[in-house]
Amino acid sequence: MSLFSYVHVALTARLAELRRDGERGDSPVPTAVIIFGLVFVATIVTGLALAKAEDWMSGIPAHSNPTKP
């Protein structure tokens, strides 16, 4: 019976401690929105860099792209 009492007291104390700690950090939603925004911007920047590189490569005389037939 003492083991049951010990577990009960330990669980009660831990739950009371968790209730006292009101600030548990930021919600994951703003973090997910920020990550989505960063991925979106990185995709746009990568696309622009790829387009600029393809334009530059097509401007080289006698250039043929080995991956395009």
Protein backbone atom coordinates (compact mmCIF):
# COMPACT_ATOMS: atom_id res chain seq x y z
CA MET A 1 0.00 0.00 0.00
CA SER A 2 2.92 2.39 0.60
CA LEU A 3 4.00 2.09 -3.08
CA PHE A 4 0.49 3.11 -4.14
CA SER A 5 0.61 6.09 -1.76
CA TYR A 6 4.05 7.12 -3.04
CA VAL A 7 2.95 7.00 -6.70
CA HIS A 8 -0.20 8.94 -5.86
CA VAL A 9 1.73 11.69 -4.04
CA ALA A 10 4.39 11.88 -6.76
CA LEU A 11 1.76 12.12 -9.51
CA THR A 12 -0.22 14.74 -7.60
CA ALA A 13 2.91 16.82 -7.00
CA ARG A 14 3.94 16.60 -10.68
CA LEU A 15 0.48 17.62 -11.91
CA ALA A 16 0.44 20.57 -9.49
CA GLU A 17 3.86 21.64 -10.78
CA LEU A 18 2.67 21.46 -14.38
CA ARG A 19 -0.41 23.52 -13.55
CA ARG A 20 1.71 26.21 -11.89
CA ASP A 21 3.91 26.61 -14.97
CA GLY A 22 1.50 28.70 -17.06
CA GLU A 23 3.94 29.72 -19.79
CA ARG A 24 4.65 26.62 -21.84
CA GLY A 25 6.14 28.32 -24.90
CA ASP A 26 4.79 29.56 -28.18
CA SER A 27 2.09 27.84 -30.16
CA PRO A 28 3.37 25.71 -33.05
CA VAL A 29 1.10 27.53 -35.53
CA PRO A 30 3.19 30.74 -35.85
CA THR A 31 6.33 28.64 -36.18
CA ALA A 32 4.77 26.60 -38.98
CA VAL A 33 3.66 29.78 -40.76
CA ILE A 34 7.17 31.23 -40.55
CA ILE A 35 8.70 28.01 -41.88
CA PHE A 36 6.19 27.91 -44.75
CA GLY A 37 7.03 31.52 -45.62
CA LEU A 38 10.76 30.82 -45.61
CA VAL A 39 10.32 27.76 -47.84
CA PHE A 40 8.13 29.79 -50.21
CA VAL A 41 10.71 32.58 -50.48
CA ALA A 42 13.55 30.06 -50.93
CA THR A 43 11.62 28.37 -53.76
CA ILE A 44 11.11 31.69 -55.53
CA VAL A 45 14.77 32.67 -55.13
CA THR A 46 15.91 29.27 -56.41
CA GLY A 47 13.58 29.53 -59.42
CA LEU A 48 14.85 33.01 -60.25
CA ALA A 49 18.47 31.87 -59.96
CA LEU A 50 17.77 28.87 -62.22
CA ALA A 51 16.07 31.06 -64.83
CA LYS A 52 18.95 33.56 -64.74
CA ALA A 53 21.51 30.75 -65.11
CA GLU A 54 19.63 29.22 -68.05
CA ASP A 55 19.44 32.63 -69.75
CA TRP A 56 23.16 33.13 -69.19
CA MET A 57 24.00 29.67 -70.51
CA SER A 58 21.82 30.10 -73.59
CA GLY A 59 23.70 33.35 -74.35
CA ILE A 60 27.00 31.49 -74.76
CA PRO A 61 27.78 30.94 -78.46
CA ALA A 62 27.77 27.31 -79.67
CA HIS A 63 26.38 26.10 -76.38
CA SER A 64 24.31 22.94 -76.23
CA ASN A 65 22.70 21.62 -73.10
CA PRO A 66 23.66 17.94 -72.69
CA THR A 67 20.53 17.13 -70.64
CA LYS A 68 18.03 18.52 -73.18
CA PRO A 69 17.68 16.67 -76.51
